[in-house]
Structures are given as C-alpha cells and as structure tokens.
Amino acid sequence: MSKAFRGAEYCWMNGEITPTKEALVSAMEPIHLGIFEGIKAYVEGDVQGEGKLNIFGWKQHIDRLWRSAEVNGLAMPYSKDELLEAVRASLKANGFTKNTYIQPRVWPMAGEQDKSHIVVPTWGFDTLLGKDNPLFGEERRFMMSSWRRLSSDALPPQVKSWANYANSFLAIREAKRCGYDNAIFLDNRGFVSEGTLACLMTVRDGKVITPPVTASILESVTRGCFIEFIPDLGIDVEVRDLTRVELYASDEAFLCGTGGECTPITSVDDIKFGDQYPGPVTKKIAEYYSDIVSGNVEKYRHWLTPV
C-alpha cells in the first residue's frame, strides 16, 4: 500500500461505526450512481506534525455534497450536523493524530427510490505542504488530453460524482501511456478547463489566472479559498477563459484541490514554465495555504472545524 493511502480500521456507515473490512454492500447496489466529497483534516499548528486535527472547509464541502445530491436526485437520510458528528466519531475511533483524508460517499439503495447509503471512510495522507517538503518540488510533466472535459449538457460538471470521474480516469490512462504524469482538459469550446483531479491556475506577469465555472470545471472548494486569499499576498486573480496558447505561454502553472493541495506543474506538452521550478508565486501561495489549513492565519480560522 502506498504511503499516501493508509486505510483506517474503522469507518462510519449508515449510522454506526463499523470495521472497514465489514462495511460491505451487495454487488447489485448502484454505487456508480453515487456522489462523494473529498475533505481533509490537518494538524493544528504544523501540517507536518502530529496532534489536534481541524477539518478544512467542512461547511463548503458539505453544502456541495447536498447540492450534488439534489442535482442527482439522491435522498440524504442524515442532517449536515449528524454527518459532522459521524466524521468526528470515525476519526476518534481510529485515533488519528496526523493529517487525514475524509471521503463521505452517498449512493442510492437498489430498488429504493427514496433511500441512500452513506459511508465515511478515512485514511492518512502525505501532504505536499510545509516548509522544505521534498514532495512539493517533484517534477510533474503534463499533456493536453485528447479527451475533452465533459460538458454540462451531458453530465453536470459541478457535481462531484463517480460517473464524472470516468472522464478523468480516461485522461490519466492516456497520459501514463504517453509517458506523462498527468493531463489537462480542454472544454467542449476549446478553452482550458481543469486538470484530471483538480482545478488549474496559471501565473502570467505576476497575475494568477484561473478558468471560470462555465469552462466545465468542478466548483472547487479549494479554488474558492485560493481566490479569496491570494489577493492578501499582493497578487491579482483573474477568473476568465484561458486559451491553450496562453497556458503554454504562462510563467508558472499549478493545480489546486483538496487532494492536490497546491501542486506545481513543470510543463505541458513538454513546454516548460519559466526559469524556476517551482515558481516563486506558486511557492508563496503554497506557503500561505499551509499556514491557513494549519490554523496559523487568524483571518481564515472560519474555514476550520475542530474534530
């Protein structure tokens, strides 16, 4: 098992703390119709340390989960507060004191139109954040995928559903087959959309540019946070359509998302970004984000929910 994926002994499922190995459903259950959220809990004070955990962006993530359920027509048998207590119970049952990934999953019960299963698995992860973290500076070669990002007249891109992620897995497989680490999507209009598993931001002339929601991107919680805090660093943010050529001509590029945090990109289609990697703006943003998620920036403590 990868160091970055350490499964927990217990999870919460349908109202009870259950051994993860026993949290099973029938092969007939329509799990492919499910939705989910990716949420992280970080250690207070130091993302590379150990101790008290705070959930980052809980309200924003859970509000999105409920929107996804509404769009997909899924029943939510528990309240948002009950789900928060379920997450807390799961984390405490596992005795987590290091950074933890939380993934509430919801899918319809077979043959039951108005009933859903909910399970909350959790696991440890290795963060890219933190001072002198060697993972942050690893080289990452991307390509423009031949697969287009799904459009809103086919499936709802703003919903975090397993069906949508089939689009990403096709692009990832293509990238690996072609010798790249990952891929970037164009939308159905030919504008830059997002990465396979995270939103995209570029840097040109000291300014951050990120595609709009109308470019078929997931309405990312982390992207929203970045747009909110980046101006604190004296850096302007533009939310607008971005062409493929503009992406190639960028000084820096990085992904932002719960899983990817702030992930620098070395190149796209073997066109390198700038003379320094990771770029200075990307580094500054990642350092500030690290302080925010670890509770060291008072202005943004409202993004944190104590476990």
Foldseek 3Di string as FASTA:
>chain_A
DDPFWAWFQWKDKPHDIDGPVPNDDDPPFPLQLKAKFKWKWAAAPFQPDWAFTWIFQLVVRVVLQVVLCVVSVAADPDDSVVVVVRVVVRCVVRPGGHMKIWMWMWGAGVPDNHDIMIMIIMGHGDDLFDPPRPNQQDAFEEEAFPQAQDAVVVPQLQTRGSNSLVSLVVQCVVQVVVPGRFYWHFHPVQWTAATSAFFKWFAAPQAIEGEDVNRSHHPAPFVVVLQVCLVVVVHHYHHHTHHPVNRLATQWMWTDHNVRHTHTHQHYPPRGHHDDPPDPSSVVSRNVSSCLSNVNDVVRCVSIHTD
